[in-house]
Amino acid sequence: MDPHKRSATIEVMSADEAIQGGGRFATDTDGYTAMLRYGRRWPDRVWAIEGCAGIGKHIANRLLADGEEVVDVPPKLSARARVFATGQGRKTDATDAHSVALVGTRMTGLRPVVNDEQLAVLRILVDRRRSLGEDHTRMTS
């Protein structure tokens, strides 16, 4: 996912790490629909998204809403995979997609992404409580 280019680059990888396909898709509605349609060509699929709590959150949530299975690939793992797969740490959209696909294929125990509305509400409440505490400290200091 590259917010500056407003695109998402994907790579389709089989369980034996053979590259089955890939592409670059816009993040607008038409691009997302095209990406989803392309991905659905493979019936047994799991979407591995880098940084589902950050940069990948939007696309992960869209995939979840469309009934797709999504796992979170921590950025540190994909960075390591990129270095080992290419021999250097150079970042391009294609090498990023490849490293995320490698981690998604090789690693067991990646965190499945779920759409938990109660958790989202709790996070908002905790953030608000923290903010109120910081305001109180500022005012009394």
N, C-alpha and C. Protein backbone atom coordinates (compact mmCIF):
# COMPACT_ATOMS: atom_id res chain seq x y z
N MET A 1 0.85 -1.17 0.00
CA MET A 1 0.00 0.00 0.00
C MET A 1 0.89 1.23 0.00
N ASP A 2 0.70 2.10 -0.97
CA ASP A 2 1.50 3.31 -1.05
C ASP A 2 0.56 4.51 -1.12
N PRO A 3 0.34 5.19 0.02
CA PRO A 3 -0.62 6.29 0.02
C PRO A 3 -0.19 7.47 -0.85
N HIS A 4 1.11 7.62 -1.08
CA HIS A 4 1.58 8.73 -1.91
C HIS A 4 1.23 8.49 -3.38
N LYS A 5 1.26 7.23 -3.78
CA LYS A 5 0.91 6.89 -5.16
C LYS A 5 -0.56 6.49 -5.27
N ARG A 6 -1.21 6.38 -4.11
CA ARG A 6 -2.61 5.94 -4.05
C ARG A 6 -2.81 4.62 -4.78
N SER A 7 -1.94 3.67 -4.42
CA SER A 7 -2.01 2.36 -5.05
C SER A 7 -1.68 1.26 -4.06
N ALA A 8 -2.10 0.07 -4.41
CA ALA A 8 -1.76 -1.14 -3.66
C ALA A 8 -1.18 -2.12 -4.65
N THR A 9 -0.01 -2.65 -4.34
CA THR A 9 0.63 -3.64 -5.19
C THR A 9 0.51 -4.99 -4.50
N ILE A 10 0.04 -5.98 -5.24
CA ILE A 10 -0.15 -7.31 -4.66
C ILE A 10 0.67 -8.33 -5.43
N GLU A 11 0.97 -9.43 -4.75
CA GLU A 11 1.59 -10.58 -5.38
C GLU A 11 0.84 -11.80 -4.90
N VAL A 12 0.49 -12.67 -5.82
CA VAL A 12 -0.21 -13.91 -5.49
C VAL A 12 0.83 -15.02 -5.45
N MET A 13 0.90 -15.69 -4.30
CA MET A 13 1.91 -16.73 -4.10
C MET A 13 1.23 -18.00 -3.61
N SER A 14 1.61 -19.13 -4.19
CA SER A 14 1.06 -20.41 -3.75
C SER A 14 1.81 -20.89 -2.51
N ALA A 15 1.31 -21.96 -1.91
CA ALA A 15 1.91 -22.49 -0.68
C ALA A 15 3.35 -22.94 -0.90
N ASP A 16 3.70 -23.32 -2.13
CA ASP A 16 5.09 -23.72 -2.41
C ASP A 16 5.95 -22.53 -2.86
N GLU A 17 5.43 -21.32 -2.64
CA GLU A 17 6.12 -20.05 -2.89
C GLU A 17 6.31 -19.73 -4.38
N ALA A 18 5.54 -20.39 -5.23
CA ALA A 18 5.56 -20.05 -6.65
C ALA A 18 4.68 -18.82 -6.86
N ILE A 19 5.19 -17.88 -7.63
CA ILE A 19 4.43 -16.66 -7.91
C ILE A 19 3.38 -16.97 -8.97
N GLN A 20 2.12 -16.74 -8.61
CA GLN A 20 0.99 -17.04 -9.49
C GLN A 20 0.50 -15.82 -10.26
N GLY A 21 0.80 -14.64 -9.75
CA GLY A 21 0.33 -13.43 -10.39
C GLY A 21 0.58 -12.23 -9.51
N GLY A 22 0.05 -11.12 -9.93
CA GLY A 22 0.21 -9.89 -9.15
C GLY A 22 -0.20 -8.69 -9.97
N GLY A 23 -0.13 -7.54 -9.36
CA GLY A 23 -0.48 -6.32 -10.07
C GLY A 23 -0.53 -5.13 -9.14
N ARG A 24 -0.70 -3.99 -9.74
CA ARG A 24 -0.81 -2.74 -9.00
C ARG A 24 -2.20 -2.17 -9.26
N PHE A 25 -2.88 -1.81 -8.18
CA PHE A 25 -4.26 -1.36 -8.27
C PHE A 25 -4.43 -0.04 -7.54
N ALA A 26 -5.26 0.81 -8.08
CA ALA A 26 -5.56 2.08 -7.42
C ALA A 26 -6.35 1.79 -6.15
N THR A 27 -6.29 2.71 -5.20
CA THR A 27 -7.01 2.50 -3.95
C THR A 27 -8.42 3.11 -3.97
N ASP A 28 -8.82 3.67 -5.10
CA ASP A 28 -10.19 4.17 -5.19
C ASP A 28 -11.14 2.97 -5.34
N THR A 29 -12.42 3.23 -5.42
CA THR A 29 -13.42 2.16 -5.47
C THR A 29 -13.22 1.24 -6.67
N ASP A 30 -12.98 1.81 -7.84
CA ASP A 30 -12.79 0.99 -9.04
C ASP A 30 -11.54 0.12 -8.93
N GLY A 31 -10.45 0.70 -8.44
CA GLY A 31 -9.21 -0.05 -8.29
C GLY A 31 -9.34 -1.17 -7.27
N TYR A 32 -9.99 -0.85 -6.14
CA TYR A 32 -10.20 -1.86 -5.11
C TYR A 32 -11.06 -3.00 -5.65
N THR A 33 -12.13 -2.67 -6.37
CA THR A 33 -13.00 -3.69 -6.94
C THR A 33 -12.23 -4.58 -7.91
N ALA A 34 -11.38 -3.97 -8.74
CA ALA A 34 -10.56 -4.74 -9.68
C ALA A 34 -9.59 -5.66 -8.94
N MET A 35 -8.98 -5.16 -7.86
CA MET A 35 -8.05 -5.96 -7.08
C MET A 35 -8.77 -7.15 -6.44
N LEU A 36 -9.94 -6.90 -5.87
CA LEU A 36 -10.71 -7.96 -5.23
C LEU A 36 -11.13 -9.00 -6.26
N ARG A 37 -11.58 -8.55 -7.41
CA ARG A 37 -11.98 -9.48 -8.47
C ARG A 37 -10.79 -10.32 -8.91
N TYR A 38 -9.63 -9.67 -9.06
CA TYR A 38 -8.41 -10.38 -9.45
C TYR A 38 -8.04 -11.42 -8.39
N GLY A 39 -8.06 -11.05 -7.13
CA GLY A 39 -7.71 -11.97 -6.05
C GLY A 39 -8.65 -13.14 -5.94
N ARG A 40 -9.89 -12.94 -6.25
CA ARG A 40 -10.89 -14.00 -6.12
C ARG A 40 -10.74 -15.07 -7.20
N ARG A 41 -9.82 -14.89 -8.12
CA ARG A 41 -9.53 -15.94 -9.10
C ARG A 41 -8.93 -17.16 -8.41
N TRP A 42 -8.37 -16.96 -7.22
CA TRP A 42 -7.78 -18.04 -6.44
C TRP A 42 -8.72 -18.33 -5.26
N PRO A 43 -9.45 -19.45 -5.32
CA PRO A 43 -10.47 -19.71 -4.30
C PRO A 43 -9.91 -19.92 -2.89
N ASP A 44 -8.73 -20.50 -2.76
CA ASP A 44 -8.15 -20.75 -1.44
C ASP A 44 -7.12 -19.66 -1.16
N ARG A 45 -7.59 -18.54 -0.62
CA ARG A 45 -6.71 -17.38 -0.48
C ARG A 45 -6.79 -16.78 0.92
N VAL A 46 -5.69 -16.19 1.30
CA VAL A 46 -5.60 -15.38 2.52
C VAL A 46 -4.85 -14.12 2.12
N TRP A 47 -5.38 -12.98 2.46
CA TRP A 47 -4.73 -11.71 2.15
C TRP A 47 -3.76 -11.38 3.29
N ALA A 48 -2.48 -11.28 2.97
CA ALA A 48 -1.47 -10.87 3.95
C ALA A 48 -1.22 -9.38 3.72
N ILE A 49 -1.53 -8.58 4.72
CA ILE A 49 -1.42 -7.12 4.61
C ILE A 49 -0.39 -6.63 5.62
N GLU A 50 0.53 -5.81 5.15
CA GLU A 50 1.54 -5.26 6.04
C GLU A 50 0.97 -4.09 6.85
N GLY A 51 1.18 -4.15 8.15
CA GLY A 51 0.82 -3.03 9.02
C GLY A 51 -0.67 -2.76 9.11
N CYS A 52 -1.45 -3.76 9.51
CA CYS A 52 -2.91 -3.60 9.59
C CYS A 52 -3.36 -2.61 10.66
N ALA A 53 -2.48 -2.27 11.58
CA ALA A 53 -2.83 -1.27 12.58
C ALA A 53 -2.46 0.13 12.11
N GLY A 54 -1.76 0.22 11.00
CA GLY A 54 -1.31 1.51 10.50
C GLY A 54 -1.69 1.72 9.05
N ILE A 55 -0.68 1.73 8.18
CA ILE A 55 -0.88 2.06 6.77
C ILE A 55 -1.82 1.07 6.06
N GLY A 56 -1.82 -0.19 6.49
CA GLY A 56 -2.65 -1.19 5.83
C GLY A 56 -4.05 -1.34 6.41
N LYS A 57 -4.37 -0.52 7.40
CA LYS A 57 -5.65 -0.66 8.10
C LYS A 57 -6.85 -0.48 7.16
N HIS A 58 -6.80 0.53 6.32
CA HIS A 58 -7.94 0.83 5.46
C HIS A 58 -8.26 -0.33 4.52
N ILE A 59 -7.22 -0.83 3.84
CA ILE A 59 -7.46 -1.91 2.88
C ILE A 59 -7.83 -3.21 3.59
N ALA A 60 -7.25 -3.45 4.76
CA ALA A 60 -7.60 -4.65 5.53
C ALA A 60 -9.06 -4.62 5.94
N ASN A 61 -9.53 -3.47 6.39
CA ASN A 61 -10.94 -3.35 6.79
C ASN A 61 -11.88 -3.51 5.61
N ARG A 62 -11.49 -3.00 4.45
CA ARG A 62 -12.33 -3.17 3.25
C ARG A 62 -12.42 -4.65 2.88
N LEU A 63 -11.28 -5.35 2.95
CA LEU A 63 -11.29 -6.78 2.63
C LEU A 63 -12.14 -7.56 3.63
N LEU A 64 -12.02 -7.23 4.91
CA LEU A 64 -12.84 -7.89 5.93
C LEU A 64 -14.32 -7.67 5.67
N ALA A 65 -14.68 -6.44 5.33
CA ALA A 65 -16.08 -6.12 5.06
C ALA A 65 -16.62 -6.92 3.88
N ASP A 66 -15.72 -7.31 2.97
CA ASP A 66 -16.13 -8.11 1.82
C ASP A 66 -15.99 -9.61 2.06
N GLY A 67 -15.79 -9.99 3.33
CA GLY A 67 -15.77 -11.40 3.68
C GLY A 67 -14.46 -12.11 3.42
N GLU A 68 -13.39 -11.38 3.24
CA GLU A 68 -12.09 -11.99 2.96
C GLU A 68 -11.34 -12.30 4.25
N GLU A 69 -10.47 -13.30 4.20
CA GLU A 69 -9.61 -13.64 5.34
C GLU A 69 -8.33 -12.82 5.22
N VAL A 70 -7.97 -12.14 6.31
CA VAL A 70 -6.82 -11.23 6.30
C VAL A 70 -5.93 -11.53 7.50
N VAL A 71 -4.60 -11.55 7.25
CA VAL A 71 -3.64 -11.66 8.35
C VAL A 71 -2.73 -10.44 8.31
N ASP A 72 -2.26 -10.07 9.49
CA ASP A 72 -1.39 -8.89 9.64
C ASP A 72 0.07 -9.31 9.57
N VAL A 73 0.82 -8.70 8.65
CA VAL A 73 2.25 -8.94 8.55
C VAL A 73 2.96 -7.76 9.19
N PRO A 74 3.66 -7.99 10.31
CA PRO A 74 4.39 -6.90 10.94
C PRO A 74 5.47 -6.34 10.01
N PRO A 75 5.61 -5.02 9.95
CA PRO A 75 6.61 -4.41 9.05
C PRO A 75 8.03 -4.93 9.27
N LYS A 76 8.41 -5.25 10.50
CA LYS A 76 9.76 -5.76 10.75
C LYS A 76 9.99 -7.10 10.06
N LEU A 77 8.97 -7.95 10.06
CA LEU A 77 9.11 -9.25 9.39
C LEU A 77 9.23 -9.09 7.88
N SER A 78 8.43 -8.22 7.30
CA SER A 78 8.51 -8.04 5.85
C SER A 78 9.84 -7.39 5.47
N ALA A 79 10.37 -6.51 6.32
CA ALA A 79 11.68 -5.89 6.04
C ALA A 79 12.78 -6.94 6.06
N ARG A 80 12.73 -7.85 7.02
CA ARG A 80 13.73 -8.93 7.06
C ARG A 80 13.62 -9.82 5.83
N ALA A 81 12.40 -10.16 5.46
CA ALA A 81 12.19 -11.00 4.29
C ALA A 81 12.71 -10.31 3.03
N ARG A 82 12.53 -8.99 2.95
CA ARG A 82 13.00 -8.24 1.78
C ARG A 82 14.52 -8.31 1.68
N VAL A 83 15.21 -8.16 2.79
CA VAL A 83 16.68 -8.21 2.79
C VAL A 83 17.15 -9.60 2.38
N PHE A 84 16.53 -10.64 2.96
CA PHE A 84 16.97 -12.00 2.65
C PHE A 84 16.59 -12.42 1.23
N ALA A 85 15.46 -11.97 0.73
CA ALA A 85 15.01 -12.37 -0.60
C ALA A 85 15.77 -11.66 -1.71
N THR A 86 16.17 -10.41 -1.47
CA THR A 86 16.80 -9.63 -2.54
C THR A 86 18.29 -9.43 -2.32
N GLY A 87 18.77 -9.70 -1.12
CA GLY A 87 20.17 -9.46 -0.82
C GLY A 87 20.46 -8.03 -0.41
N GLN A 88 19.46 -7.20 -0.44
CA GLN A 88 19.59 -5.80 -0.01
C GLN A 88 18.23 -5.32 0.46
N GLY A 89 18.20 -4.21 1.12
CA GLY A 89 16.95 -3.74 1.72
C GLY A 89 16.20 -2.73 0.88
N ARG A 90 16.51 -2.65 -0.39
CA ARG A 90 15.90 -1.63 -1.26
C ARG A 90 14.39 -1.83 -1.32
N LYS A 91 13.68 -0.73 -1.13
CA LYS A 91 12.22 -0.78 -1.12
C LYS A 91 11.64 -0.32 -2.45
N THR A 92 10.88 -1.20 -3.05
CA THR A 92 10.04 -0.83 -4.19
C THR A 92 8.68 -1.47 -3.91
N ASP A 93 7.67 -1.03 -4.62
CA ASP A 93 6.35 -1.63 -4.41
C ASP A 93 6.38 -3.13 -4.69
N ALA A 94 7.10 -3.53 -5.74
CA ALA A 94 7.16 -4.95 -6.11
C ALA A 94 7.90 -5.77 -5.06
N THR A 95 9.04 -5.27 -4.56
CA THR A 95 9.77 -6.02 -3.53
C THR A 95 8.98 -6.05 -2.22
N ASP A 96 8.28 -4.98 -1.91
CA ASP A 96 7.42 -4.97 -0.72
C ASP A 96 6.34 -6.04 -0.84
N ALA A 97 5.67 -6.09 -1.98
CA ALA A 97 4.60 -7.08 -2.19
C ALA A 97 5.16 -8.49 -2.10
N HIS A 98 6.34 -8.70 -2.67
CA HIS A 98 6.96 -10.03 -2.63
C HIS A 98 7.32 -10.43 -1.20
N SER A 99 7.90 -9.50 -0.45
CA SER A 99 8.30 -9.83 0.92
C SER A 99 7.09 -10.09 1.81
N VAL A 100 6.02 -9.34 1.63
CA VAL A 100 4.79 -9.57 2.41
C VAL A 100 4.19 -10.92 2.04
N ALA A 101 4.20 -11.26 0.75
CA ALA A 101 3.69 -12.56 0.31
C ALA A 101 4.53 -13.70 0.89
N LEU A 102 5.86 -13.53 0.91
CA LEU A 102 6.73 -14.56 1.49
C LEU A 102 6.42 -14.78 2.97
N VAL A 103 6.31 -13.69 3.71
CA VAL A 103 6.01 -13.81 5.15
C VAL A 103 4.64 -14.45 5.33
N GLY A 104 3.66 -14.02 4.56
CA GLY A 104 2.32 -14.58 4.67
C GLY A 104 2.28 -16.06 4.35
N THR A 105 3.15 -16.51 3.45
CA THR A 105 3.20 -17.92 3.07
C THR A 105 4.00 -18.75 4.06
N ARG A 106 5.12 -18.22 4.52
CA ARG A 106 6.05 -18.99 5.36
C ARG A 106 5.69 -19.02 6.84
N MET A 107 5.19 -17.93 7.35
CA MET A 107 5.02 -17.79 8.80
C MET A 107 3.67 -18.33 9.26
N THR A 108 3.73 -19.16 10.29
CA THR A 108 2.49 -19.57 10.95
C THR A 108 2.30 -18.65 12.15
N GLY A 109 1.10 -18.50 12.57
CA GLY A 109 0.83 -17.70 13.75
C GLY A 109 0.72 -16.21 13.51
N LEU A 110 0.61 -15.78 12.25
CA LEU A 110 0.37 -14.36 12.00
C LEU A 110 -1.01 -14.01 12.56
N ARG A 111 -1.11 -12.81 13.08
CA ARG A 111 -2.36 -12.38 13.73
C ARG A 111 -3.46 -12.21 12.69
N PRO A 112 -4.57 -12.98 12.85
CA PRO A 112 -5.70 -12.75 11.95
C PRO A 112 -6.34 -11.40 12.28
N VAL A 113 -6.75 -10.70 11.27
CA VAL A 113 -7.39 -9.40 11.46
C VAL A 113 -8.89 -9.63 11.56
N VAL A 114 -9.49 -9.06 12.57
CA VAL A 114 -10.93 -9.19 12.76
C VAL A 114 -11.54 -7.81 12.90
N ASN A 115 -12.78 -7.70 12.52
CA ASN A 115 -13.49 -6.43 12.64
C ASN A 115 -14.27 -6.48 13.95
N ASP A 116 -13.68 -5.94 14.99
CA ASP A 116 -14.27 -5.99 16.32
C ASP A 116 -14.73 -4.59 16.72
N GLU A 117 -16.01 -4.33 16.57
CA GLU A 117 -16.55 -3.00 16.87
C GLU A 117 -16.44 -2.65 18.35
N GLN A 118 -16.62 -3.64 19.22
CA GLN A 118 -16.51 -3.36 20.66
C GLN A 118 -15.08 -2.94 21.02
N LEU A 119 -14.10 -3.58 20.42
CA LEU A 119 -12.71 -3.21 20.66
C LEU A 119 -12.44 -1.79 20.18
N ALA A 120 -13.00 -1.42 19.05
CA ALA A 120 -12.82 -0.06 18.52
C ALA A 120 -13.42 0.97 19.48
N VAL A 121 -14.59 0.67 20.02
CA VAL A 121 -15.23 1.59 20.97
C VAL A 121 -14.39 1.70 22.24
N LEU A 122 -13.87 0.58 22.73
CA LEU A 122 -13.01 0.62 23.92
C LEU A 122 -11.75 1.45 23.67
N ARG A 123 -11.16 1.33 22.49
CA ARG A 123 -9.98 2.13 22.17
C ARG A 123 -10.29 3.62 22.20
N ILE A 124 -11.44 3.99 21.69
CA ILE A 124 -11.85 5.39 21.70
C ILE A 124 -12.00 5.88 23.14
N LEU A 125 -12.65 5.06 23.97
CA LEU A 125 -12.83 5.44 25.38
C LEU A 125 -11.50 5.55 26.12
N VAL A 126 -10.59 4.62 25.88
CA VAL A 126 -9.28 4.66 26.53
C VAL A 126 -8.50 5.90 26.08
N ASP A 127 -8.55 6.19 24.78
CA ASP A 127 -7.86 7.39 24.28
C ASP A 127 -8.44 8.65 24.90
N ARG A 128 -9.75 8.70 25.03
CA ARG A 128 -10.41 9.87 25.63
C ARG A 128 -10.02 10.01 27.11
N ARG A 129 -10.01 8.90 27.82
CA ARG A 129 -9.63 8.93 29.24
C ARG A 129 -8.19 9.41 29.39
N ARG A 130 -7.30 8.90 28.54
CA ARG A 130 -5.90 9.32 28.58
C ARG A 130 -5.80 10.82 28.31
N SER A 131 -6.54 11.29 27.33
CA SER A 131 -6.52 12.72 26.98
C SER A 131 -7.01 13.58 28.15
N LEU A 132 -8.09 13.14 28.80
CA LEU A 132 -8.60 13.88 29.96
C LEU A 132 -7.58 13.92 31.09
N GLY A 133 -6.90 12.80 31.32
CA GLY A 133 -5.86 12.76 32.34
C GLY A 133 -4.71 13.70 32.03
N GLU A 134 -4.30 13.75 30.76
CA GLU A 134 -3.23 14.66 30.35
C GLU A 134 -3.67 16.11 30.51
N ASP A 135 -4.92 16.40 30.15
CA ASP A 135 -5.45 17.77 30.32
C ASP A 135 -5.46 18.15 31.80
N HIS A 136 -5.89 17.23 32.66
CA HIS A 136 -5.94 17.49 34.10
C HIS A 136 -4.54 17.78 34.64
N THR A 137 -3.57 16.99 34.22
CA THR A 137 -2.18 17.19 34.66
C THR A 137 -1.66 18.54 34.21
N ARG A 138 -1.96 18.90 32.99
CA ARG A 138 -1.51 20.20 32.45
C ARG A 138 -2.12 21.36 33.22
N MET A 139 -3.39 21.24 33.55
CA MET A 139 -4.09 22.34 34.23
C MET A 139 -3.66 22.49 35.69
N THR A 140 -3.30 21.39 36.33
CA THR A 140 -2.94 21.47 37.74
C THR A 140 -1.44 21.67 37.96
N SER A 141 -0.66 21.62 36.91
CA SER A 141 0.80 21.78 37.07
C SER A 141 1.21 23.23 36.97
